[in-house]
PDB file of N, CA and C in Angstrom:
ATOM      1  N   MET A   1      26.287  66.105 101.978  1.00  0.00           N
ATOM      2  CA  MET A   1      25.153  65.375 102.495  1.00  0.00           C
ATOM      3  C   MET A   1      24.445  64.663 101.344  1.00  0.00           C
ATOM      4  N   SER A   2      23.413  63.999 101.669  1.00  0.00           N
ATOM      5  CA  SER A   2      22.679  63.172 100.710  1.00  0.00           C
ATOM      6  C   SER A   2      21.876  64.026  99.725  1.00  0.00           C
ATOM      7  N   PRO A   3      21.690  63.517  98.512  1.00  0.00           N
ATOM      8  CA  PRO A   3      20.818  64.230  97.577  1.00  0.00           C
ATOM      9  C   PRO A   3      19.338  64.106  97.952  1.00  0.00           C
ATOM     10  N   ASP A   4      19.020  63.181  98.849  1.00  0.00           N
ATOM     11  CA  ASP A   4      17.633  62.981  99.292  1.00  0.00           C
ATOM     12  C   ASP A   4      17.306  63.958 100.417  1.00  0.00           C
ATOM     13  N   PRO A   5      16.332  64.846 100.236  1.00  0.00           N
ATOM     14  CA  PRO A   5      15.999  65.838 101.268  1.00  0.00           C
ATOM     15  C   PRO A   5      15.572  65.213 102.597  1.00  0.00           C
ATOM     16  N   GLN A   6      14.873  64.080 102.542  1.00  0.00           N
ATOM     17  CA  GLN A   6      14.451  63.435 103.788  1.00  0.00           C
ATOM     18  C   GLN A   6      15.656  62.951 104.596  1.00  0.00           C
ATOM     19  N   ASP A   7      16.659  62.406 103.922  1.00  0.00           N
ATOM     20  CA  ASP A   7      17.888  61.992 104.604  1.00  0.00           C
ATOM     21  C   ASP A   7      18.565  63.186 105.264  1.00  0.00           C
ATOM     22  N   ASN A   8      18.598  64.315 104.574  1.00  0.00           N
ATOM     23  CA  ASN A   8      19.206  65.524 105.128  1.00  0.00           C
ATOM     24  C   ASN A   8      18.479  65.990 106.375  1.00  0.00           C
ATOM     25  N   ASN A   9      17.162  65.991 106.343  1.00  0.00           N
ATOM     26  CA  ASN A   9      16.385  66.400 107.515  1.00  0.00           C
ATOM     27  C   ASN A   9      16.598  65.449 108.688  1.00  0.00           C
ATOM     28  N   ASP A  10      16.629  64.150 108.385  1.00  0.00           N
ATOM     29  CA  ASP A  10      16.863  63.163 109.441  1.00  0.00           C
ATOM     30  C   ASP A  10      18.245  63.346 110.069  1.00  0.00           C
ATOM     31  N   ALA A  11      19.239  63.603 109.241  1.00  0.00           N
ATOM     32  CA  ALA A  11      20.603  63.790 109.748  1.00  0.00           C
ATOM     33  C   ALA A  11      20.698  65.047 110.613  1.00  0.00           C
ATOM     34  N   ARG A  12      20.054  66.117 110.185  1.00  0.00           N
ATOM     35  CA  ARG A  12      20.117  67.380 110.937  1.00  0.00           C
ATOM     36  C   ARG A  12      19.540  67.256 112.341  1.00  0.00           C
ATOM     37  N   THR A  13      18.568  66.354 112.517  1.00  0.00           N
ATOM     38  CA  THR A  13      17.988  66.196 113.848  1.00  0.00           C
ATOM     39  C   THR A  13      19.003  65.633 114.842  1.00  0.00           C
ATOM     40  N   TRP A  14      20.046  64.980 114.338  1.00  0.00           N
ATOM     41  CA  TRP A  14      21.043  64.366 115.207  1.00  0.00           C
ATOM     42  C   TRP A  14      22.318  65.193 115.361  1.00  0.00           C
ATOM     43  N   PHE A  15      22.477  66.273 114.597  1.00  0.00           N
ATOM     44  CA  PHE A  15      23.727  67.047 114.620  1.00  0.00           C
ATOM     45  C   PHE A  15      24.133  67.456 116.027  1.00  0.00           C
ATOM     46  N   ASN A  16      23.234  68.102 116.765  1.00  0.00           N
ATOM     47  CA  ASN A  16      23.592  68.618 118.093  1.00  0.00           C
ATOM     48  C   ASN A  16      23.832  67.495 119.097  1.00  0.00           C
ATOM     49  N   CYS A  17      23.066  66.416 118.980  1.00  0.00           N
ATOM     50  CA  CYS A  17      23.259  65.274 119.891  1.00  0.00           C
ATOM     51  C   CYS A  17      24.629  64.640 119.686  1.00  0.00           C
ATOM     52  N   VAL A  18      24.992  64.430 118.436  1.00  0.00           N
ATOM     53  CA  VAL A  18      26.295  63.826 118.149  1.00  0.00           C
ATOM     54  C   VAL A  18      27.417  64.764 118.582  1.00  0.00           C
ATOM     55  N   GLU A  19      27.247  66.060 118.349  1.00  0.00           N
ATOM     56  CA  GLU A  19      28.255  67.028 118.794  1.00  0.00           C
ATOM     57  C   GLU A  19      28.474  66.929 120.306  1.00  0.00           C
ATOM     58  N   GLU A  20      27.397  66.897 121.051  1.00  0.00           N
ATOM     59  CA  GLU A  20      27.508  66.819 122.512  1.00  0.00           C
ATOM     60  C   GLU A  20      28.168  65.510 122.940  1.00  0.00           C
ATOM     61  N   MET A  21      27.815  64.409 122.300  1.00  0.00           N
ATOM     62  CA  MET A  21      28.421  63.117 122.638  1.00  0.00           C
ATOM     63  C   MET A  21      29.924  63.121 122.378  1.00  0.00           C
ATOM     64  N   VAL A  22      30.335  63.682 121.251  1.00  0.00           N
ATOM     65  CA  VAL A  22      31.755  63.691 120.885  1.00  0.00           C
ATOM     66  C   VAL A  22      32.556  64.565 121.836  1.00  0.00           C
ATOM     67  N   PHE A  23      32.051  65.754 122.146  1.00  0.00           N
ATOM     68  CA  PHE A  23      32.820  66.684 122.952  1.00  0.00           C
ATOM     69  C   PHE A  23      32.761  66.398 124.451  1.00  0.00           C
ATOM     70  N   THR A  24      31.918  65.464 124.870  1.00  0.00           N
ATOM     71  CA  THR A  24      31.915  65.041 126.274  1.00  0.00           C
ATOM     72  C   THR A  24      32.453  63.625 126.451  1.00  0.00           C
ATOM     73  N   ASP A  25      32.958  63.034 125.388  1.00  0.00           N
ATOM     74  CA  ASP A  25      33.509  61.687 125.432  1.00  0.00           C
ATOM     75  C   ASP A  25      34.699  61.615 126.396  1.00  0.00           C
ATOM     76  N   ASP A  26      34.784  60.543 127.157  1.00  0.00           N
ATOM     77  CA  ASP A  26      35.876  60.382 128.127  1.00  0.00           C
ATOM     78  C   ASP A  26      37.246  60.400 127.465  1.00  0.00           C
ATOM     79  N   ASP A  27      37.379  59.762 126.314  1.00  0.00           N
ATOM     80  CA  ASP A  27      38.671  59.746 125.629  1.00  0.00           C
ATOM     81  C   ASP A  27      39.055  61.132 125.128  1.00  0.00           C
ATOM     82  N   PHE A  28      38.072  61.914 124.716  1.00  0.00           N
ATOM     83  CA  PHE A  28      38.349  63.269 124.241  1.00  0.00           C
ATOM     84  C   PHE A  28      38.738  64.185 125.403  1.00  0.00           C
ATOM     85  N   CYS A  29      38.066  64.029 126.527  1.00  0.00           N
ATOM     86  CA  CYS A  29      38.273  64.933 127.669  1.00  0.00           C
ATOM     87  C   CYS A  29      39.396  64.509 128.604  1.00  0.00           C
ATOM     88  N   SER A  30      39.829  63.267 128.533  1.00  0.00           N
ATOM     89  CA  SER A  30      40.839  62.777 129.469  1.00  0.00           C
ATOM     90  C   SER A  30      42.231  63.267 129.083  1.00  0.00           C
ATOM     91  N   ASP A  31      43.098  63.320 130.069  1.00  0.00           N
ATOM     92  CA  ASP A  31      44.485  63.708 129.839  1.00  0.00           C
ATOM     93  C   ASP A  31      45.322  62.474 129.568  1.00  0.00           C
ATOM     94  N   VAL A  32      46.156  62.559 128.546  1.00  0.00           N
ATOM     95  CA  VAL A  32      47.140  61.522 128.255  1.00  0.00           C
ATOM     96  C   VAL A  32      48.493  62.162 128.496  1.00  0.00           C
ATOM     97  N   GLU A  33      49.284  61.533 129.325  1.00  0.00           N
ATOM     98  CA  GLU A  33      50.577  62.111 129.680  1.00  0.00           C
ATOM     99  C   GLU A  33      51.522  62.122 128.487  1.00  0.00           C
ATOM    100  N   PRO A  34      52.303  63.180 128.329  1.00  0.00           N
ATOM    101  CA  PRO A  34      53.284  63.221 127.242  1.00  0.00           C
ATOM    102  C   PRO A  34      54.353  62.144 127.400  1.00  0.00           C
ATOM    103  N   THR A  35      54.936  61.793 126.283  1.00  0.00           N
ATOM    104  CA  THR A  35      55.980  60.776 126.288  1.00  0.00           C
ATOM    105  C   THR A  35      57.243  61.314 126.945  1.00  0.00           C
ATOM    106  N   ASN A  36      57.814  60.509 127.814  1.00  0.00           N
ATOM    107  CA  ASN A  36      59.166  60.765 128.293  1.00  0.00           C
ATOM    108  C   ASN A  36      59.858  59.410 128.380  1.00  0.00           C
ATOM    109  N   ASP A  37      61.117  59.406 128.680  1.00  0.00           N
ATOM    110  CA  ASP A  37      61.875  58.152 128.645  1.00  0.00           C
ATOM    111  C   ASP A  37      61.428  57.147 129.690  1.00  0.00           C
ATOM    112  N   SER A  38      60.948  57.621 130.836  1.00  0.00           N
ATOM    113  CA  SER A  38      60.656  56.696 131.913  1.00  0.00           C
ATOM    114  C   SER A  38      59.224  56.157 131.895  1.00  0.00           C
ATOM    115  N   PHE A  39      58.271  56.907 131.308  1.00  0.00           N
ATOM    116  CA  PHE A  39      56.882  56.465 131.361  1.00  0.00           C
ATOM    117  C   PHE A  39      56.136  56.874 130.100  1.00  0.00           C
ATOM    118  N   PRO A  40      56.242  56.092 129.010  1.00  0.00           N
ATOM    119  CA  PRO A  40      55.480  56.433 127.807  1.00  0.00           C
ATOM    120  C   PRO A  40      53.999  56.140 128.020  1.00  0.00           C
ATOM    121  N   PRO A  41      53.124  56.930 127.440  1.00  0.00           N
ATOM    122  CA  PRO A  41      51.698  56.670 127.591  1.00  0.00           C
ATOM    123  C   PRO A  41      51.289  55.415 126.829  1.00  0.00           C
ATOM    124  N   SER A  42      50.178  54.888 127.197  1.00  0.00           N
ATOM    125  CA  SER A  42      49.645  53.720 126.515  1.00  0.00           C
ATOM    126  C   SER A  42      49.373  54.051 125.049  1.00  0.00           C
ATOM    127  N   VAL A  43      49.800  53.173 124.164  1.00  0.00           N
ATOM    128  CA  VAL A  43      49.532  53.373 122.743  1.00  0.00           C
ATOM    129  C   VAL A  43      48.027  53.333 122.505  1.00  0.00           C
ATOM    130  N   LEU A  44      47.338  52.462 123.218  1.00  0.00           N
ATOM    131  CA  LEU A  44      45.889  52.368 123.075  1.00  0.00           C
ATOM    132  C   LEU A  44      45.212  53.668 123.502  1.00  0.00           C
ATOM    133  N   ALA A  45      45.653  54.256 124.606  1.00  0.00           N
ATOM    134  CA  ALA A  45      45.082  55.534 125.061  1.00  0.00           C
ATOM    135  C   ALA A  45      45.343  56.628 124.037  1.00  0.00           C
ATOM    136  N   SER A  46      46.531  56.639 123.469  1.00  0.00           N
ATOM    137  CA  SER A  46      46.857  57.628 122.444  1.00  0.00           C
ATOM    138  C   SER A  46      46.006  57.420 121.199  1.00  0.00           C
ATOM    139  N   TRP A  47      45.785  56.175 120.837  1.00  0.00           N
ATOM    140  CA  TRP A  47      44.969  55.855 119.672  1.00  0.00           C
ATOM    141  C   TRP A  47      43.527  56.306 119.898  1.00  0.00           C
ATOM    142  N   ARG A  48      42.980  56.034 121.089  1.00  0.00           N
ATOM    143  CA  ARG A  48      41.610  56.459 121.398  1.00  0.00           C
ATOM    144  C   ARG A  48      41.498  57.983 121.404  1.00  0.00           C
ATOM    145  N   LYS A  49      42.510  58.660 121.910  1.00  0.00           N
ATOM    146  CA  LYS A  49      42.521  60.126 121.914  1.00  0.00           C
ATOM    147  C   LYS A  49      42.510  60.647 120.474  1.00  0.00           C
ATOM    148  N   LEU A  50      43.297  60.024 119.607  1.00  0.00           N
ATOM    149  CA  LEU A  50      43.346  60.431 118.211  1.00  0.00           C
ATOM    150  C   LEU A  50      41.997  60.207 117.533  1.00  0.00           C
ATOM    151  N   GLN A  51      41.366  59.079 117.778  1.00  0.00           N
ATOM    152  CA  GLN A  51      40.054  58.812 117.191  1.00  0.00           C
ATOM    153  C   GLN A  51      39.016  59.823 117.684  1.00  0.00           C
ATOM    154  N   ALA A  52      39.062  60.171 118.948  1.00  0.00           N
ATOM    155  CA  ALA A  52      38.142  61.170 119.486  1.00  0.00           C
ATOM    156  C   ALA A  52      38.395  62.535 118.850  1.00  0.00           C
ATOM    157  N   LEU A  53      39.654  62.848 118.612  1.00  0.00           N
ATOM    158  CA  LEU A  53      40.001  64.113 117.960  1.00  0.00           C
ATOM    159  C   LEU A  53      39.498  64.128 116.514  1.00  0.00           C
ATOM    160  N   GLN A  54      39.632  63.013 115.816  1.00  0.00           N
ATOM    161  CA  GLN A  54      39.105  62.911 114.451  1.00  0.00           C
ATOM    162  C   GLN A  54      37.591  63.111 114.437  1.00  0.00           C
ATOM    163  N   ALA A  55      36.898  62.477 115.376  1.00  0.00           N
ATOM    164  CA  ALA A  55      35.442  62.611 115.447  1.00  0.00           C
ATOM    165  C   ALA A  55      35.044  64.057 115.710  1.00  0.00           C
ATOM    166  N   SER A  56      35.759  64.728 116.593  1.00  0.00           N
ATOM    167  CA  SER A  56      35.420  66.124 116.903  1.00  0.00           C
ATOM    168  C   SER A  56      35.653  67.023 115.688  1.00  0.00           C
ATOM    169  N   TYR A  57      36.688  66.739 114.926  1.00  0.00           N
ATOM    170  CA  TYR A  57      36.971  67.523 113.725  1.00  0.00           C
ATOM    171  C   TYR A  57      35.855  67.348 112.686  1.00  0.00           C
ATOM    172  N   ILE A  58      35.415  66.118 112.482  1.00  0.00           N
ATOM    173  CA  ILE A  58      34.330  65.849 111.532  1.00  0.00           C
ATOM    174  C   ILE A  58      33.048  66.537 111.978  1.00  0.00           C
ATOM    175  N   VAL A  59      32.763  66.496 113.270  1.00  0.00           N
ATOM    176  CA  VAL A  59      31.572  67.173 113.798  1.00  0.00           C
ATOM    177  C   VAL A  59      31.648  68.672 113.500  1.00  0.00           C
ATOM    178  N   CYS A  60      32.804  69.262 113.711  1.00  0.00           N
ATOM    179  CA  CYS A  60      32.966  70.692 113.420  1.00  0.00           C
ATOM    180  C   CYS A  60      32.752  70.984 111.941  1.00  0.00           C
ATOM    181  N   LEU A  61      33.259  70.117 111.086  1.00  0.00           N
ATOM    182  CA  LEU A  61      33.073  70.326 109.651  1.00  0.00           C
ATOM    183  C   LEU A  61      31.595  70.294 109.258  1.00  0.00           C
ATOM    184  N   TYR A  62      30.882  69.239 109.657  1.00  0.00           N
ATOM    185  CA  TYR A  62      29.499  69.166 109.198  1.00  0.00           C
ATOM    186  C   TYR A  62      28.608  70.190 109.888  1.00  0.00           C
ATOM    187  N   GLN A  63      28.907  70.552 111.125  1.00  0.00           N
ATOM    188  CA  GLN A  63      28.120  71.604 111.769  1.00  0.00           C
ATOM    189  C   GLN A  63      28.362  72.951 111.077  1.00  0.00           C
ATOM    190  N   ASN A  64      29.601  73.201 110.688  1.00  0.00           N
ATOM    191  CA  ASN A  64      29.923  74.467 110.025  1.00  0.00           C
ATOM    192  C   ASN A  64      29.326  74.526 108.616  1.00  0.00           C
ATOM    193  N   TRP A  65      29.232  73.389 107.946  1.00  0.00           N
ATOM    194  CA  TRP A  65      28.680  73.359 106.597  1.00  0.00           C
ATOM    195  C   TRP A  65      27.165  73.296 106.578  1.00  0.00           C
ATOM    196  N   GLU A  66      26.590  72.448 107.434  1.00  0.00           N
ATOM    197  CA  GLU A  66      25.164  72.136 107.326  1.00  0.00           C
ATOM    198  C   GLU A  66      24.344  72.506 108.555  1.00  0.00           C
ATOM    199  N   GLY A  67      24.988  72.956 109.622  1.00  0.00           N
ATOM    200  CA  GLY A  67      24.267  73.255 110.850  1.00  0.00           C
ATOM    201  C   GLY A  67      23.508  74.570 110.801  1.00  0.00           C
ATOM    202  N   THR A  68      22.779  74.830 111.864  1.00  0.00           N
ATOM    203  CA  THR A  68      22.053  76.093 111.983  1.00  0.00           C
ATOM    204  C   THR A  68      23.040  77.224 112.240  1.00  0.00           C
ATOM    205  N   ASP A  69      22.559  78.447 112.171  1.00  0.00           N
ATOM    206  CA  ASP A  69      23.432  79.599 112.448  1.00  0.00           C
ATOM    207  C   ASP A  69      23.986  79.539 113.869  1.00  0.00           C
ATOM    208  N   ALA A  70      23.147  79.128 114.817  1.00  0.00           N
ATOM    209  CA  ALA A  70      23.601  79.009 116.209  1.00  0.00           C
ATOM    210  C   ALA A  70      24.688  77.933 116.340  1.00  0.00           C
ATOM    211  N   SER A  71      24.512  76.836 115.642  1.00  0.00           N
ATOM    212  CA  SER A  71      25.518  75.764 115.672  1.00  0.00           C
ATOM    213  C   SER A  71      26.831  76.228 115.072  1.00  0.00           C
ATOM    214  N   LYS A  72      26.755  76.951 113.968  1.00  0.00           N
ATOM    215  CA  LYS A  72      27.964  77.467 113.330  1.00  0.00           C
ATOM    216  C   LYS A  72      28.712  78.414 114.262  1.00  0.00           C
ATOM    217  N   ARG A  73      27.979  79.293 114.943  1.00  0.00           N
ATOM    218  CA  ARG A  73      28.614  80.208 115.908  1.00  0.00           C
ATOM    219  C   ARG A  73      29.277  79.439 117.043  1.00  0.00           C
ATOM    220  N   ARG A  74      28.570  78.443 117.582  1.00  0.00           N
ATOM    221  CA  ARG A  74      29.101  77.641 118.687  1.00  0.00           C
ATOM    222  C   ARG A  74      30.381  76.917 118.276  1.00  0.00           C
ATOM    223  N   ILE A  75      30.373  76.351 117.081  1.00  0.00           N
ATOM    224  CA  ILE A  75      31.555  75.646 116.580  1.00  0.00           C
ATOM    225  C   ILE A  75      32.723  76.603 116.462  1.00  0.00           C
ATOM    226  N   ARG A  76      32.485  77.758 115.878  1.00  0.00           N
ATOM    227  CA  ARG A  76      33.582  78.719 115.652  1.00  0.00           C
ATOM    228  C   ARG A  76      34.088  79.342 116.941  1.00  0.00           C
ATOM    229  N   ARG A  77      33.196  79.582 117.898  1.00  0.00           N
ATOM    230  CA  ARG A  77      33.596  80.276 119.134  1.00  0.00           C
ATOM    231  C   ARG A  77      34.144  79.343 120.206  1.00  0.00           C
ATOM    232  N   HIS A  78      33.636  78.126 120.263  1.00  0.00           N
ATOM    233  CA  HIS A  78      33.989  77.250 121.393  1.00  0.00           C
ATOM    234  C   HIS A  78      34.664  75.947 120.979  1.00  0.00           C
ATOM    235  N   ARG A  79      34.046  75.229 120.075  1.00  0.00           N
ATOM    236  CA  ARG A  79      34.509  73.866 119.785  1.00  0.00           C
ATOM    237  C   ARG A  79      35.856  73.824 119.069  1.00  0.00           C
ATOM    238  N   PHE A  80      36.072  74.735 118.131  1.00  0.00           N
ATOM    239  CA  PHE A  80      37.338  74.705 117.410  1.00  0.00           C
ATOM    240  C   PHE A  80      38.512  74.929 118.353  1.00  0.00           C
ATOM    241  N   GLY A  81      38.372  75.858 119.285  1.00  0.00           N
ATOM    242  CA  GLY A  81      39.431  76.085 120.278  1.00  0.00           C
ATOM    243  C   GLY A  81      39.681  74.864 121.147  1.00  0.00           C
ATOM    244  N   THR A  82      38.617  74.136 121.446  1.00  0.00           N
ATOM    245  CA  THR A  82      38.760  72.903 122.223  1.00  0.00           C
ATOM    246  C   THR A  82      39.559  71.866 121.443  1.00  0.00           C
ATOM    247  N   ILE A  83      39.291  71.751 120.148  1.00  0.00           N
ATOM    248  CA  ILE A  83      40.035  70.804 119.311  1.00  0.00           C
ATOM    249  C   ILE A  83      41.513  71.165 119.282  1.00  0.00           C
ATOM    250  N   VAL A  84      41.813  72.440 119.128  1.00  0.00           N
ATOM    251  CA  VAL A  84      43.209  72.878 119.103  1.00  0.00           C
ATOM    252  C   VAL A  84      43.887  72.552 120.429  1.00  0.00           C
ATOM    253  N   SER A  85      43.195  72.786 121.512  1.00  0.00           N
ATOM    254  CA  SER A  85      43.755  72.497 122.835  1.00  0.00           C
ATOM    255  C   SER A  85      44.011  71.006 123.027  1.00  0.00           C
ATOM    256  N   VAL A  86      43.034  70.187 122.694  1.00  0.00           N
ATOM    257  CA  VAL A  86      43.189  68.732 122.839  1.00  0.00           C
ATOM    258  C   VAL A  86      44.249  68.212 121.879  1.00  0.00           C
ATOM    259  N   GLY A  87      44.253  68.714 120.655  1.00  0.00           N
ATOM    260  CA  GLY A  87      45.209  68.252 119.662  1.00  0.00           C
ATOM    261  C   GLY A  87      46.637  68.676 119.937  1.00  0.00           C
ATOM    262  N   SER A  88      46.814  69.689 120.762  1.00  0.00           N
ATOM    263  CA  SER A  88      48.173  70.183 121.012  1.00  0.00           C
ATOM    264  C   SER A  88      49.041  69.185 121.765  1.00  0.00           C
ATOM    265  N   ILE A  89      48.422  68.233 122.452  1.00  0.00           N
ATOM    266  CA  ILE A  89      49.216  67.250 123.191  1.00  0.00           C
ATOM    267  C   ILE A  89      49.726  66.133 122.281  1.00  0.00           C
ATOM    268  N   LEU A  90      49.069  65.882 121.149  1.00  0.00           N
ATOM    269  CA  LEU A  90      49.464  64.757 120.300  1.00  0.00           C
ATOM    270  C   LEU A  90      50.896  64.826 119.798  1.00  0.00           C
ATOM    271  N   PRO A  91      51.395  65.981 119.356  1.00  0.00           N
ATOM    272  CA  PRO A  91      52.799  65.993 118.920  1.00  0.00           C
ATOM    273  C   PRO A  91      53.775  65.618 120.031  1.00  0.00           C
ATOM    274  N   ARG A  92      53.396  65.870 121.286  1.00  0.00           N
ATOM    275  CA  ARG A  92      54.273  65.485 122.384  1.00  0.00           C
ATOM    276  C   ARG A  92      54.193  63.999 122.675  1.00  0.00           C
ATOM    277  N   LEU A  93      53.100  63.364 122.264  1.00  0.00           N
ATOM    278  CA  LEU A  93      52.985  61.924 122.473  1.00  0.00           C
ATOM    279  C   LEU A  93      53.803  61.175 121.427  1.00  0.00           C
ATOM    280  N   ARG A  94      53.552  61.446 120.208  1.00  0.00           N
ATOM    281  CA  ARG A  94      54.265  60.901 119.046  1.00  0.00           C
ATOM    282  C   ARG A  94      53.799  61.691 117.851  1.00  0.00           C
ATOM    283  N   GLY A  95      54.468  61.556 116.751  1.00  0.00           N
ATOM    284  CA  GLY A  95      54.053  62.277 115.547  1.00  0.00           C
ATOM    285  C   GLY A  95      52.904  61.564 114.873  1.00  0.00           C
ATOM    286  N   PHE A  96      51.717  62.049 115.023  1.00  0.00           N
ATOM    287  CA  PHE A  96      50.543  61.425 114.439  1.00  0.00           C
ATOM    288  C   PHE A  96      50.090  62.194 113.208  1.00  0.00           C
ATOM    289  N   VAL A  97      49.532  61.481 112.266  1.00  0.00           N
ATOM    290  CA  VAL A  97      48.867  62.079 111.127  1.00  0.00           C
ATOM    291  C   VAL A  97      47.376  61.876 111.363  1.00  0.00           C
ATOM    292  N   LEU A  98      46.603  62.974 111.363  1.00  0.00           N
ATOM    293  CA  LEU A  98      45.188  62.867 111.707  1.00  0.00           C
ATOM    294  C   LEU A  98      44.410  61.978 110.744  1.00  0.00           C
ATOM    295  N   PHE A  99      44.625  62.136 109.462  1.00  0.00           N
ATOM    296  CA  PHE A  99      43.925  61.316 108.483  1.00  0.00           C
ATOM    297  C   PHE A  99      44.946  60.783 107.495  1.00  0.00           C
ATOM    298  N   THR A 100      44.805  59.522 107.142  1.00  0.00           N
ATOM    299  CA  THR A 100      45.715  58.908 106.184  1.00  0.00           C
ATOM    300  C   THR A 100      44.913  58.432 104.987  1.00  0.00           C
ATOM    301  N   ASP A 101      45.607  57.991 103.965  1.00  0.00           N
ATOM    302  CA  ASP A 101      44.909  57.440 102.813  1.00  0.00           C
ATOM    303  C   ASP A 101      44.507  55.986 103.030  1.00  0.00           C
ATOM    304  N   LYS A 102      44.827  55.449 104.205  1.00  0.00           N
ATOM    305  CA  LYS A 102      44.479  54.071 104.534  1.00  0.00           C
ATOM    306  C   LYS A 102      43.557  54.091 105.749  1.00  0.00           C
ATOM    307  N   PRO A 103      42.241  54.117 105.543  1.00  0.00           N
ATOM    308  CA  PRO A 103      41.312  54.199 106.669  1.00  0.00           C
ATOM    309  C   PRO A 103      41.539  53.087 107.680  1.00  0.00           C
ATOM    310  N   GLY A 104      41.366  53.452 108.937  1.00  0.00           N
ATOM    311  CA  GLY A 104      41.482  52.468 109.990  1.00  0.00           C
ATOM    312  C   GLY A 104      42.893  52.205 110.462  1.00  0.00           C
ATOM    313  N   ARG A 105      43.872  52.876 109.881  1.00  0.00           N
ATOM    314  CA  ARG A 105      45.249  52.631 110.282  1.00  0.00           C
ATOM    315  C   ARG A 105      45.832  53.895 110.889  1.00  0.00           C
ATOM    316  N   LEU A 106      46.633  53.718 111.871  1.00  0.00           N
ATOM    317  CA  LEU A 106      47.330  54.816 112.508  1.00  0.00           C
ATOM    318  C   LEU A 106      48.711  54.911 111.888  1.00  0.00           C
ATOM    319  N   GLN A 107      49.020  56.054 111.332  1.00  0.00           N
ATOM    320  CA  GLN A 107      50.345  56.251 110.754  1.00  0.00           C
ATOM    321  C   GLN A 107      51.185  56.959 111.804  1.00  0.00           C
ATOM    322  N   GLU A 108      52.261  56.360 112.191  1.00  0.00           N
ATOM    323  CA  GLU A 108      53.037  56.814 113.331  1.00  0.00           C
ATOM    324  C   GLU A 108      54.481  57.017 112.918  1.00  0.00           C
ATOM    325  N   THR A 109      55.046  58.114 113.330  1.00  0.00           N
ATOM    326  CA  THR A 109      56.470  58.357 113.124  1.00  0.00           C
ATOM    327  C   THR A 109      57.052  58.852 114.421  1.00  0.00           C
ATOM    328  N   LEU A 110      58.255  58.539 114.657  1.00  0.00           N
ATOM    329  CA  LEU A 110      58.901  59.036 115.876  1.00  0.00           C
ATOM    330  C   LEU A 110      59.279  60.486 115.702  1.00  0.00           C
ATOM    331  N   VAL A 111      59.088  61.238 116.746  1.00  0.00           N
ATOM    332  CA  VAL A 111      59.413  62.663 116.715  1.00  0.00           C
ATOM    333  C   VAL A 111      60.868  62.856 117.025  1.00  0.00           C
TER     334      VAL A 111
END
């Protein structure tokens, strides 16, 4: 976080709101069908799902590092399991890398 204490306090006021927005996002909560030969899912839908998964992971990191004790418990007990569940479909869609050294680009390999 920022070395400025006021920035830290301002950011903390938004932690729970951003967490709720990320974990209730339509792209995060929606189902994307796994790839098969006859009906591959939309690449755009897969990309949006991946971005939502990245956002949820970042939220978990900052809540676990800088959040309140209640937020840390919630992240560890509920949100992390949700990320694992949502992320489990990505390998069936295509081989995705969650974060790359080239921001803004999706690195894709065929499984």
